[in-house]
């Protein structure tokens, strides 16, 4: 008689959802997997509710695509210093991981 295989520890921690690249940790917190530059990146969506996680995932993927387009634009042709400053300011405003006070501090820097 063959004993049934035990589930691996990693499969006990992560659960698939019906949405691609959205996974739930055993703690209930949702994470999104994105791929950039051939590497897999994980980001916590900081919620235990799937409907909220779906909205945050869409925002996260949208901001990642915007950043990728900006980088591609600046790599295609020579970027002037003024264009680089505009790109940097836009990225600062769109960065949801920074607190408002941090954004204000960065704006005051020369």
PDB file of N, CA and C in Angstrom:
ATOM      1  N   UNK A   1       0.842  -1.175   0.000  1.00  0.00           N
ATOM      2  CA  UNK A   1       0.000   0.000   0.000  1.00  0.00           C
ATOM      3  C   UNK A   1       0.891   1.243   0.000  1.00  0.00           C
ATOM      4  N   UNK A   2       0.589   2.190  -0.878  1.00  0.00           N
ATOM      5  CA  UNK A   2       1.380   3.406  -1.024  1.00  0.00           C
ATOM      6  C   UNK A   2       0.714   4.525  -0.232  1.00  0.00           C
ATOM      7  N   UNK A   3       1.518   5.202   0.573  1.00  0.00           N
ATOM      8  CA  UNK A   3       0.993   6.310   1.369  1.00  0.00           C
ATOM      9  C   UNK A   3       0.759   7.517   0.460  1.00  0.00           C
ATOM     10  N   UNK A   4      -0.316   8.277   0.685  1.00  0.00           N
ATOM     11  CA  UNK A   4      -0.564   9.464  -0.148  1.00  0.00           C
ATOM     12  C   UNK A   4       0.508  10.519   0.090  1.00  0.00           C
ATOM     13  N   UNK A   5       0.820  11.257  -0.973  1.00  0.00           N
ATOM     14  CA  UNK A   5       1.839  12.303  -0.864  1.00  0.00           C
ATOM     15  C   UNK A   5       1.300  13.469  -0.049  1.00  0.00           C
ATOM     16  N   UNK A   6       2.180  14.034   0.756  1.00  0.00           N
ATOM     17  CA  UNK A   6       1.813  15.221   1.509  1.00  0.00           C
ATOM     18  C   UNK A   6       1.982  16.439   0.609  1.00  0.00           C
ATOM     19  N   UNK A   7       1.157  17.431   0.824  1.00  0.00           N
ATOM     20  CA  UNK A   7       1.295  18.671   0.056  1.00  0.00           C
ATOM     21  C   UNK A   7       2.549  19.394   0.516  1.00  0.00           C
ATOM     22  N   UNK A   8       3.248  19.999  -0.419  1.00  0.00           N
ATOM     23  CA  UNK A   8       4.464  20.721  -0.054  1.00  0.00           C
ATOM     24  C   UNK A   8       4.096  21.945   0.778  1.00  0.00           C
ATOM     25  N   UNK A   9       5.072  22.433   1.535  1.00  0.00           N
ATOM     26  CA  UNK A   9       4.808  23.575   2.409  1.00  0.00           C
ATOM     27  C   UNK A   9       4.416  24.814   1.619  1.00  0.00           C
ATOM     28  N   UNK A  10       5.035  25.013   0.441  1.00  0.00           N
ATOM     29  CA  UNK A  10       4.719  26.209  -0.330  1.00  0.00           C
ATOM     30  C   UNK A  10       3.284  26.159  -0.852  1.00  0.00           C
ATOM     31  N   UNK A  11       2.768  24.978  -1.170  1.00  0.00           N
ATOM     32  CA  UNK A  11       1.396  24.903  -1.667  1.00  0.00           C
ATOM     33  C   UNK A  11       0.382  25.103  -0.539  1.00  0.00           C
ATOM     34  N   UNK A  12       0.798  24.911   0.687  1.00  0.00           N
ATOM     35  CA  UNK A  12      -0.095  25.132   1.821  1.00  0.00           C
ATOM     36  C   UNK A  12      -0.182  26.616   2.173  1.00  0.00           C
ATOM     37  N   UNK A  13       0.791  27.410   1.742  1.00  0.00           N
ATOM     38  CA  UNK A  13       0.827  28.829   2.091  1.00  0.00           C
ATOM     39  C   UNK A  13       0.104  29.712   1.094  1.00  0.00           C
ATOM     40  N   UNK A  14       0.077  29.306  -0.166  1.00  0.00           N
ATOM     41  CA  UNK A  14      -0.470  30.144  -1.228  1.00  0.00           C
ATOM     42  C   UNK A  14      -1.653  29.459  -1.896  1.00  0.00           C
ATOM     43  N   UNK A  15      -2.698  30.229  -2.165  1.00  0.00           N
ATOM     44  CA  UNK A  15      -3.893  29.693  -2.789  1.00  0.00           C
ATOM     45  C   UNK A  15      -4.204  30.479  -4.059  1.00  0.00           C
ATOM     46  N   UNK A  16      -4.497  29.748  -5.130  1.00  0.00           N
ATOM     47  CA  UNK A  16      -4.839  30.389  -6.396  1.00  0.00           C
ATOM     48  C   UNK A  16      -6.221  31.016  -6.301  1.00  0.00           C
ATOM     49  N   UNK A  17      -6.429  32.040  -7.109  1.00  0.00           N
ATOM     50  CA  UNK A  17      -7.751  32.647  -7.236  1.00  0.00           C
ATOM     51  C   UNK A  17      -8.214  32.462  -8.673  1.00  0.00           C
ATOM     52  N   UNK A  18      -9.420  32.891  -8.959  1.00  0.00           N
ATOM     53  CA  UNK A  18      -9.929  32.737 -10.320  1.00  0.00           C
ATOM     54  C   UNK A  18      -9.327  33.775 -11.262  1.00  0.00           C
ATOM     55  N   UNK A  19      -8.545  34.703 -10.726  1.00  0.00           N
ATOM     56  CA  UNK A  19      -7.927  35.754 -11.527  1.00  0.00           C
ATOM     57  C   UNK A  19      -6.431  35.476 -11.663  1.00  0.00           C
ATOM     58  N   UNK A  20      -5.947  35.592 -12.885  1.00  0.00           N
ATOM     59  CA  UNK A  20      -4.544  35.319 -13.164  1.00  0.00           C
ATOM     60  C   UNK A  20      -3.651  36.307 -12.416  1.00  0.00           C
ATOM     61  N   UNK A  21      -2.562  35.800 -11.848  1.00  0.00           N
ATOM     62  CA  UNK A  21      -1.546  36.567 -11.131  1.00  0.00           C
ATOM     63  C   UNK A  21      -2.026  37.164  -9.812  1.00  0.00           C
ATOM     64  N   UNK A  22      -3.172  36.756  -9.332  1.00  0.00           N
ATOM     65  CA  UNK A  22      -3.664  37.177  -8.019  1.00  0.00           C
ATOM     66  C   UNK A  22      -3.682  35.945  -7.128  1.00  0.00           C
ATOM     67  N   UNK A  23      -2.919  35.980  -6.036  1.00  0.00           N
ATOM     68  CA  UNK A  23      -2.842  34.842  -5.126  1.00  0.00           C
ATOM     69  C   UNK A  23      -3.123  35.305  -3.705  1.00  0.00           C
ATOM     70  N   UNK A  24      -3.581  34.357  -2.892  1.00  0.00           N
ATOM     71  CA  UNK A  24      -3.906  34.664  -1.497  1.00  0.00           C
ATOM     72  C   UNK A  24      -2.994  33.864  -0.592  1.00  0.00           C
ATOM     73  N   UNK A  25      -2.405  34.535   0.370  1.00  0.00           N
ATOM     74  CA  UNK A  25      -1.552  33.892   1.359  1.00  0.00           C
ATOM     75  C   UNK A  25      -2.429  33.212   2.396  1.00  0.00           C
ATOM     76  N   UNK A  26      -1.872  32.274   3.137  1.00  0.00           N
ATOM     77  CA  UNK A  26      -2.679  31.573   4.147  1.00  0.00           C
ATOM     78  C   UNK A  26      -3.197  32.527   5.217  1.00  0.00           C
ATOM     79  N   UNK A  27      -2.543  33.689   5.380  1.00  0.00           N
ATOM     80  CA  UNK A  27      -3.015  34.694   6.337  1.00  0.00           C
ATOM     81  C   UNK A  27      -4.257  35.419   5.832  1.00  0.00           C
ATOM     82  N   UNK A  28      -4.567  35.259   4.529  1.00  0.00           N
ATOM     83  CA  UNK A  28      -5.740  35.893   3.946  1.00  0.00           C
ATOM     84  C   UNK A  28      -5.420  37.124   3.121  1.00  0.00           C
ATOM     85  N   UNK A  29      -4.184  37.602   3.169  1.00  0.00           N
ATOM     86  CA  UNK A  29      -3.780  38.797   2.435  1.00  0.00           C
ATOM     87  C   UNK A  29      -3.512  38.429   0.967  1.00  0.00           C
ATOM     88  N   UNK A  30      -3.987  39.287   0.065  1.00  0.00           N
ATOM     89  CA  UNK A  30      -3.822  39.043  -1.364  1.00  0.00           C
ATOM     90  C   UNK A  30      -2.526  39.674  -1.878  1.00  0.00           C
ATOM     91  N   UNK A  31      -1.915  39.003  -2.860  1.00  0.00           N
ATOM     92  CA  UNK A  31      -0.685  39.469  -3.501  1.00  0.00           C
ATOM     93  C   UNK A  31      -0.872  39.422  -5.006  1.00  0.00           C
ATOM     94  N   UNK A  32      -0.129  40.291  -5.700  1.00  0.00           N
ATOM     95  CA  UNK A  32      -0.138  40.288  -7.156  1.00  0.00           C
ATOM     96  C   UNK A  32       1.270  39.941  -7.639  1.00  0.00           C
ATOM     97  N   UNK A  33       1.326  39.124  -8.698  1.00  0.00           N
ATOM     98  CA  UNK A  33       2.601  38.786  -9.323  1.00  0.00           C
ATOM     99  C   UNK A  33       2.692  39.534 -10.635  1.00  0.00           C
ATOM    100  N   UNK A  34       3.785  40.247 -10.833  1.00  0.00           N
ATOM    101  CA  UNK A  34       4.018  40.910 -12.105  1.00  0.00           C
ATOM    102  C   UNK A  34       5.382  40.498 -12.617  1.00  0.00           C
ATOM    103  N   UNK A  35       5.585  40.657 -13.904  1.00  0.00           N
ATOM    104  CA  UNK A  35       6.852  40.309 -14.533  1.00  0.00           C
ATOM    105  C   UNK A  35       7.408  41.549 -15.207  1.00  0.00           C
ATOM    106  N   UNK A  36       8.662  41.850 -14.906  1.00  0.00           N
ATOM    107  CA  UNK A  36       9.307  43.016 -15.488  1.00  0.00           C
ATOM    108  C   UNK A  36      10.771  42.690 -15.730  1.00  0.00           C
ATOM    109  N   UNK A  37      11.215  42.889 -16.935  1.00  0.00           N
ATOM    110  CA  UNK A  37      12.609  42.617 -17.260  1.00  0.00           C
ATOM    111  C   UNK A  37      12.965  41.152 -17.101  1.00  0.00           C
ATOM    112  N   UNK A  38      11.998  40.265 -17.313  1.00  0.00           N
ATOM    113  CA  UNK A  38      12.242  38.838 -17.187  1.00  0.00           C
ATOM    114  C   UNK A  38      12.259  38.326 -15.755  1.00  0.00           C
ATOM    115  N   UNK A  39      11.927  39.183 -14.806  1.00  0.00           N
ATOM    116  CA  UNK A  39      11.915  38.777 -13.399  1.00  0.00           C
ATOM    117  C   UNK A  39      10.502  38.857 -12.843  1.00  0.00           C
ATOM    118  N   UNK A  40      10.222  37.954 -11.928  1.00  0.00           N
ATOM    119  CA  UNK A  40       8.923  37.935 -11.265  1.00  0.00           C
ATOM    120  C   UNK A  40       8.989  38.827 -10.030  1.00  0.00           C
ATOM    121  N   UNK A  41       8.000  39.702  -9.882  1.00  0.00           N
ATOM    122  CA  UNK A  41       7.935  40.589  -8.714  1.00  0.00           C
ATOM    123  C   UNK A  41       6.599  40.386  -8.017  1.00  0.00           C
ATOM    124  N   UNK A  42       6.645  40.269  -6.710  1.00  0.00           N
ATOM    125  CA  UNK A  42       5.448  40.103  -5.895  1.00  0.00           C
ATOM    126  C   UNK A  42       5.205  41.395  -5.127  1.00  0.00           C
ATOM    127  N   UNK A  43       3.930  41.770  -5.010  1.00  0.00           N
ATOM    128  CA  UNK A  43       3.573  42.954  -4.233  1.00  0.00           C
ATOM    129  C   UNK A  43       2.316  42.647  -3.428  1.00  0.00           C
ATOM    130  N   UNK A  44       2.349  43.043  -2.170  1.00  0.00           N
ATOM    131  CA  UNK A  44       1.180  42.858  -1.319  1.00  0.00           C
ATOM    132  C   UNK A  44       0.136  43.899  -1.668  1.00  0.00           C
ATOM    133  N   UNK A  45      -1.114  43.480  -1.722  1.00  0.00           N
ATOM    134  CA  UNK A  45      -2.211  44.406  -1.976  1.00  0.00           C
ATOM    135  C   UNK A  45      -2.825  44.906  -0.678  1.00  0.00           C
ATOM    136  N   UNK A  46      -2.329  44.406   0.444  1.00  0.00           N
ATOM    137  CA  UNK A  46      -2.691  44.856   1.794  1.00  0.00           C
ATOM    138  C   UNK A  46      -4.193  44.839   2.044  1.00  0.00           C
ATOM    139  N   UNK A  47      -4.830  43.753   1.631  1.00  0.00           N
ATOM    140  CA  UNK A  47      -6.260  43.580   1.890  1.00  0.00           C
ATOM    141  C   UNK A  47      -6.574  42.097   1.978  1.00  0.00           C
ATOM    142  N   UNK A  48      -7.644  41.795   2.686  1.00  0.00           N
ATOM    143  CA  UNK A  48      -8.096  40.412   2.800  1.00  0.00           C
ATOM    144  C   UNK A  48      -9.406  40.190   2.040  1.00  0.00           C
ATOM    145  N   UNK A  49      -9.869  41.218   1.339  1.00  0.00           N
ATOM    146  CA  UNK A  49     -11.104  41.142   0.578  1.00  0.00           C
ATOM    147  C   UNK A  49     -10.783  41.020  -0.906  1.00  0.00           C
ATOM    148  N   UNK A  50     -11.349  40.014  -1.559  1.00  0.00           N
ATOM    149  CA  UNK A  50     -10.998  39.759  -2.953  1.00  0.00           C
ATOM    150  C   UNK A  50     -11.439  40.882  -3.881  1.00  0.00           C
ATOM    151  N   UNK A  51     -12.606  41.455  -3.672  1.00  0.00           N
ATOM    152  CA  UNK A  51     -13.085  42.518  -4.565  1.00  0.00           C
ATOM    153  C   UNK A  51     -12.160  43.740  -4.503  1.00  0.00           C
ATOM    154  N   UNK A  52     -11.690  44.073  -3.315  1.00  0.00           N
ATOM    155  CA  UNK A  52     -10.752  45.189  -3.169  1.00  0.00           C
ATOM    156  C   UNK A  52      -9.411  44.818  -3.788  1.00  0.00           C
ATOM    157  N   UNK A  53      -9.000  43.574  -3.610  1.00  0.00           N
ATOM    158  CA  UNK A  53      -7.731  43.109  -4.179  1.00  0.00           C
ATOM    159  C   UNK A  53      -7.750  43.202  -5.704  1.00  0.00           C
ATOM    160  N   UNK A  54      -8.888  42.895  -6.316  1.00  0.00           N
ATOM    161  CA  UNK A  54      -8.992  42.968  -7.778  1.00  0.00           C
ATOM    162  C   UNK A  54      -8.806  44.397  -8.267  1.00  0.00           C
ATOM    163  N   UNK A  55      -9.403  45.358  -7.567  1.00  0.00           N
ATOM    164  CA  UNK A  55      -9.268  46.764  -7.950  1.00  0.00           C
ATOM    165  C   UNK A  55      -7.822  47.224  -7.773  1.00  0.00           C
ATOM    166  N   UNK A  56      -7.231  46.890  -6.630  1.00  0.00           N
ATOM    167  CA  UNK A  56      -5.844  47.296  -6.373  1.00  0.00           C
ATOM    168  C   UNK A  56      -4.878  46.626  -7.345  1.00  0.00           C
ATOM    169  N   UNK A  57      -5.179  45.405  -7.734  1.00  0.00           N
ATOM    170  CA  UNK A  57      -4.330  44.707  -8.698  1.00  0.00           C
ATOM    171  C   UNK A  57      -4.347  45.445 -10.039  1.00  0.00           C
ATOM    172  N   UNK A  58      -5.524  45.870 -10.480  1.00  0.00           N
ATOM    173  CA  UNK A  58      -5.628  46.601 -11.739  1.00  0.00           C
ATOM    174  C   UNK A  58      -4.837  47.907 -11.675  1.00  0.00           C
ATOM    175  N   UNK A  59      -4.917  48.607 -10.537  1.00  0.00           N
ATOM    176  CA  UNK A  59      -4.158  49.851 -10.363  1.00  0.00           C
ATOM    177  C   UNK A  59      -2.660  49.568 -10.383  1.00  0.00           C
ATOM    178  N   UNK A  60      -2.250  48.504  -9.706  1.00  0.00           N
ATOM    179  CA  UNK A  60      -0.824  48.149  -9.630  1.00  0.00           C
ATOM    180  C   UNK A  60      -0.277  47.806 -11.012  1.00  0.00           C
ATOM    181  N   UNK A  61      -1.011  47.017 -11.758  1.00  0.00           N
ATOM    182  CA  UNK A  61      -0.559  46.626 -13.096  1.00  0.00           C
ATOM    183  C   UNK A  61      -0.547  47.843 -14.018  1.00  0.00           C
ATOM    184  N   UNK A  62      -1.528  48.717 -13.897  1.00  0.00           N
ATOM    185  CA  UNK A  62      -1.563  49.935 -14.706  1.00  0.00           C
ATOM    186  C   UNK A  62      -0.377  50.837 -14.440  1.00  0.00           C
ATOM    187  N   UNK A  63      -0.016  51.005 -13.173  1.00  0.00           N
ATOM    188  CA  UNK A  63       1.130  51.857 -12.851  1.00  0.00           C
ATOM    189  C   UNK A  63       2.433  51.211 -13.319  1.00  0.00           C
ATOM    190  N   UNK A  64       2.516  49.882 -13.266  1.00  0.00           N
ATOM    191  CA  UNK A  64       3.716  49.196 -13.742  1.00  0.00           C
ATOM    192  C   UNK A  64       3.873  49.388 -15.247  1.00  0.00           C
ATOM    193  N   UNK A  65       2.763  49.332 -15.980  1.00  0.00           N
ATOM    194  CA  UNK A  65       2.822  49.535 -17.430  1.00  0.00           C
ATOM    195  C   UNK A  65       3.211  50.968 -17.762  1.00  0.00           C
ATOM    196  N   UNK A  66       2.702  51.935 -16.989  1.00  0.00           N
ATOM    197  CA  UNK A  66       3.046  53.332 -17.211  1.00  0.00           C
ATOM    198  C   UNK A  66       4.532  53.547 -17.003  1.00  0.00           C
ATOM    199  N   UNK A  67       5.076  52.966 -15.938  1.00  0.00           N
ATOM    200  CA  UNK A  67       6.510  53.098 -15.676  1.00  0.00           C
ATOM    201  C   UNK A  67       7.316  52.474 -16.804  1.00  0.00           C
ATOM    202  N   UNK A  68       6.875  51.323 -17.295  1.00  0.00           N
ATOM    203  CA  UNK A  68       7.601  50.646 -18.366  1.00  0.00           C
ATOM    204  C   UNK A  68       7.583  51.487 -19.636  1.00  0.00           C
ATOM    205  N   UNK A  69       6.437  52.118 -19.970  1.00  0.00           N
ATOM    206  CA  UNK A  69       6.365  52.968 -21.155  1.00  0.00           C
ATOM    207  C   UNK A  69       7.278  54.178 -21.009  1.00  0.00           C
ATOM    208  N   UNK A  70       7.339  54.747 -19.807  1.00  0.00           N
ATOM    209  CA  UNK A  70       8.189  55.901 -19.571  1.00  0.00           C
ATOM    210  C   UNK A  70       9.652  55.534 -19.774  1.00  0.00           C
ATOM    211  N   UNK A  71      10.044  54.395 -19.255  1.00  0.00           N
ATOM    212  CA  UNK A  71      11.430  53.956 -19.411  1.00  0.00           C
ATOM    213  C   UNK A  71      11.729  53.686 -20.873  1.00  0.00           C
ATOM    214  N   UNK A  72      10.819  53.058 -21.597  1.00  0.00           N
ATOM    215  CA  UNK A  72      11.031  52.790 -23.009  1.00  0.00           C
ATOM    216  C   UNK A  72      11.125  54.088 -23.793  1.00  0.00           C
ATOM    217  N   UNK A  73      10.319  55.064 -23.473  1.00  0.00           N
ATOM    218  CA  UNK A  73      10.324  56.350 -24.172  1.00  0.00           C
ATOM    219  C   UNK A  73      11.668  57.026 -23.992  1.00  0.00           C
ATOM    220  N   UNK A  74      12.194  57.031 -22.779  1.00  0.00           N
ATOM    221  CA  UNK A  74      13.453  57.710 -22.532  1.00  0.00           C
ATOM    222  C   UNK A  74      14.629  56.947 -23.127  1.00  0.00           C
ATOM    223  N   UNK A  75      14.470  55.660 -23.420  1.00  0.00           N
ATOM    224  CA  UNK A  75      15.558  54.885 -23.996  1.00  0.00           C
ATOM    225  C   UNK A  75      15.580  54.926 -25.513  1.00  0.00           C
ATOM    226  N   UNK A  76      14.460  55.295 -26.157  1.00  0.00           N
ATOM    227  CA  UNK A  76      14.395  55.306 -27.616  1.00  0.00           C
ATOM    228  C   UNK A  76      15.214  56.438 -28.226  1.00  0.00           C
ATOM    229  N   UNK A  77      15.141  57.587 -27.640  1.00  0.00           N
ATOM    230  CA  UNK A  77      15.857  58.740 -28.164  1.00  0.00           C
ATOM    231  C   UNK A  77      16.442  59.517 -27.001  1.00  0.00           C
ATOM    232  N   UNK A  78      17.257  60.485 -27.310  1.00  0.00           N
ATOM    233  CA  UNK A  78      17.891  61.260 -26.248  1.00  0.00           C
ATOM    234  C   UNK A  78      16.846  62.095 -25.524  1.00  0.00           C
ATOM    235  N   UNK A  79      16.886  62.069 -24.220  1.00  0.00           N
ATOM    236  CA  UNK A  79      15.951  62.809 -23.385  1.00  0.00           C
ATOM    237  C   UNK A  79      16.642  64.053 -22.860  1.00  0.00           C
ATOM    238  N   UNK A  80      15.965  65.170 -22.958  1.00  0.00           N
ATOM    239  CA  UNK A  80      16.536  66.400 -22.427  1.00  0.00           C
ATOM    240  C   UNK A  80      16.372  66.414 -20.911  1.00  0.00           C
ATOM    241  N   UNK A  81      17.096  67.302 -20.268  1.00  0.00           N
ATOM    242  CA  UNK A  81      17.020  67.406 -18.806  1.00  0.00           C
ATOM    243  C   UNK A  81      15.610  67.820 -18.377  1.00  0.00           C
ATOM    244  N   UNK A  82      14.988  68.704 -19.127  1.00  0.00           N
ATOM    245  CA  UNK A  82      13.634  69.139 -18.803  1.00  0.00           C
ATOM    246  C   UNK A  82      12.638  67.998 -18.877  1.00  0.00           C
ATOM    247  N   UNK A  83      12.757  67.160 -19.926  1.00  0.00           N
ATOM    248  CA  UNK A  83      11.874  65.998 -20.056  1.00  0.00           C
ATOM    249  C   UNK A  83      12.098  65.013 -18.916  1.00  0.00           C
ATOM    250  N   UNK A  84      13.361  64.825 -18.533  1.00  0.00           N
ATOM    251  CA  UNK A  84      13.678  63.908 -17.436  1.00  0.00           C
ATOM    252  C   UNK A  84      13.073  64.401 -16.126  1.00  0.00           C
ATOM    253  N   UNK A  85      13.090  65.716 -15.912  1.00  0.00           N
ATOM    254  CA  UNK A  85      12.510  66.269 -14.683  1.00  0.00           C
ATOM    255  C   UNK A  85      10.990  66.076 -14.667  1.00  0.00           C
ATOM    256  N   UNK A  86      10.350  66.262 -15.821  1.00  0.00           N
ATOM    257  CA  UNK A  86       8.902  66.069 -15.913  1.00  0.00           C
ATOM    258  C   UNK A  86       8.552  64.611 -15.634  1.00  0.00           C
ATOM    259  N   UNK A  87       9.319  63.688 -16.209  1.00  0.00           N
ATOM    260  CA  UNK A  87       9.089  62.262 -15.985  1.00  0.00           C
ATOM    261  C   UNK A  87       9.255  61.918 -14.514  1.00  0.00           C
ATOM    262  N   UNK A  88      10.305  62.447 -13.899  1.00  0.00           N
ATOM    263  CA  UNK A  88      10.573  62.165 -12.480  1.00  0.00           C
ATOM    264  C   UNK A  88       9.439  62.705 -11.597  1.00  0.00           C
ATOM    265  N   UNK A  89       8.974  63.912 -11.871  1.00  0.00           N
ATOM    266  CA  UNK A  89       7.887  64.492 -11.083  1.00  0.00           C
ATOM    267  C   UNK A  89       6.597  63.689 -11.240  1.00  0.00           C
ATOM    268  N   UNK A  90       6.313  63.231 -12.463  1.00  0.00           N
ATOM    269  CA  UNK A  90       5.109  62.436 -12.711  1.00  0.00           C
ATOM    270  C   UNK A  90       5.187  61.114 -11.959  1.00  0.00           C
ATOM    271  N   UNK A  91       6.351  60.478 -11.990  1.00  0.00           N
ATOM    272  CA  UNK A  91       6.515  59.214 -11.269  1.00  0.00           C
ATOM    273  C   UNK A  91       6.348  59.410  -9.771  1.00  0.00           C
ATOM    274  N   UNK A  92       6.842  60.530  -9.264  1.00  0.00           N
ATOM    275  CA  UNK A  92       6.709  60.842  -7.841  1.00  0.00           C
ATOM    276  C   UNK A  92       5.234  60.980  -7.462  1.00  0.00           C
ATOM    277  N   UNK A  93       4.459  61.687  -8.279  1.00  0.00           N
ATOM    278  CA  UNK A  93       3.037  61.886  -8.007  1.00  0.00           C
ATOM    279  C   UNK A  93       2.251  60.579  -8.091  1.00  0.00           C
ATOM    280  N   UNK A  94       2.624  59.688  -9.018  1.00  0.00           N
ATOM    281  CA  UNK A  94       1.887  58.449  -9.230  1.00  0.00           C
ATOM    282  C   UNK A  94       2.291  57.329  -8.282  1.00  0.00           C
ATOM    283  N   UNK A  95       3.369  57.518  -7.535  1.00  0.00           N
ATOM    284  CA  UNK A  95       3.853  56.462  -6.645  1.00  0.00           C
ATOM    285  C   UNK A  95       2.946  56.348  -5.428  1.00  0.00           C
ATOM    286  N   UNK A  96       2.156  55.279  -5.390  1.00  0.00           N
ATOM    287  CA  UNK A  96       1.196  55.090  -4.305  1.00  0.00           C
ATOM    288  C   UNK A  96       1.848  54.585  -3.031  1.00  0.00           C
ATOM    289  N   UNK A  97       3.100  54.170  -3.108  1.00  0.00           N
ATOM    290  CA  UNK A  97       3.770  53.642  -1.920  1.00  0.00           C
ATOM    291  C   UNK A  97       4.328  54.750  -1.035  1.00  0.00           C
ATOM    292  N   UNK A  98       4.415  55.968  -1.559  1.00  0.00           N
ATOM    293  CA  UNK A  98       4.952  57.080  -0.775  1.00  0.00           C
ATOM    294  C   UNK A  98       3.828  57.799  -0.031  1.00  0.00           C
ATOM    295  N   UNK A  99       4.130  58.196   1.175  1.00  0.00           N
ATOM    296  CA  UNK A  99       3.171  58.966   1.952  1.00  0.00           C
ATOM    297  C   UNK A  99       3.170  60.415   1.453  1.00  0.00           C
ATOM    298  N   UNK A 100       2.071  61.135   1.679  1.00  0.00           N
ATOM    299  CA  UNK A 100       1.985  62.527   1.204  1.00  0.00           C
ATOM    300  C   UNK A 100       3.108  63.417   1.737  1.00  0.00           C
ATOM    301  N   UNK A 101       3.498  63.243   2.992  1.00  0.00           N
ATOM    302  CA  UNK A 101       4.580  64.061   3.545  1.00  0.00           C
ATOM    303  C   UNK A 101       5.911  63.780   2.846  1.00  0.00           C
ATOM    304  N   UNK A 102       6.141  62.538   2.475  1.00  0.00           N
ATOM    305  CA  UNK A 102       7.366  62.184   1.765  1.00  0.00           C
ATOM    306  C   UNK A 102       7.378  62.834   0.391  1.00  0.00           C
ATOM    307  N   UNK A 103       6.230  62.833  -0.284  1.00  0.00           N
ATOM    308  CA  UNK A 103       6.137  63.476  -1.590  1.00  0.00           C
ATOM    309  C   UNK A 103       6.433  64.969  -1.482  1.00  0.00           C
ATOM    310  N   UNK A 104       5.878  65.615  -0.456  1.00  0.00           N
ATOM    311  CA  UNK A 104       6.128  67.047  -0.251  1.00  0.00           C
ATOM    312  C   UNK A 104       7.610  67.302   0.007  1.00  0.00           C
ATOM    313  N   UNK A 105       8.255  66.430   0.769  1.00  0.00           N
ATOM    314  CA  UNK A 105       9.675  66.569   1.058  1.00  0.00           C
ATOM    315  C   UNK A 105      10.484  66.483  -0.228  1.00  0.00           C
ATOM    316  N   UNK A 106      10.171  65.490  -1.071  1.00  0.00           N
ATOM    317  CA  UNK A 106      10.894  65.329  -2.340  1.00  0.00           C
ATOM    318  C   UNK A 106      10.692  66.513  -3.274  1.00  0.00           C
ATOM    319  N   UNK A 107       9.519  67.126  -3.233  1.00  0.00           N
ATOM    320  CA  UNK A 107       9.247  68.280  -4.091  1.00  0.00           C
ATOM    321  C   UNK A 107      10.110  69.482  -3.693  1.00  0.00           C
ATOM    322  N   UNK A 108      10.446  69.586  -2.410  1.00  0.00           N
ATOM    323  CA  UNK A 108      11.225  70.723  -1.907  1.00  0.00           C
ATOM    324  C   UNK A 108      12.722  70.583  -2.184  1.00  0.00           C
ATOM    325  N   UNK A 109      13.159  69.381  -2.527  1.00  0.00           N
ATOM    326  CA  UNK A 109      14.572  69.170  -2.817  1.00  0.00           C
ATOM    327  C   UNK A 109      14.953  69.910  -4.098  1.00  0.00           C
ATOM    328  N   UNK A 110      16.198  70.442  -4.143  1.00  0.00           N
ATOM    329  CA  UNK A 110      16.618  71.177  -5.350  1.00  0.00           C
ATOM    330  C   UNK A 110      16.783  70.289  -6.556  1.00  0.00           C
TER     331      UNK A 110
END
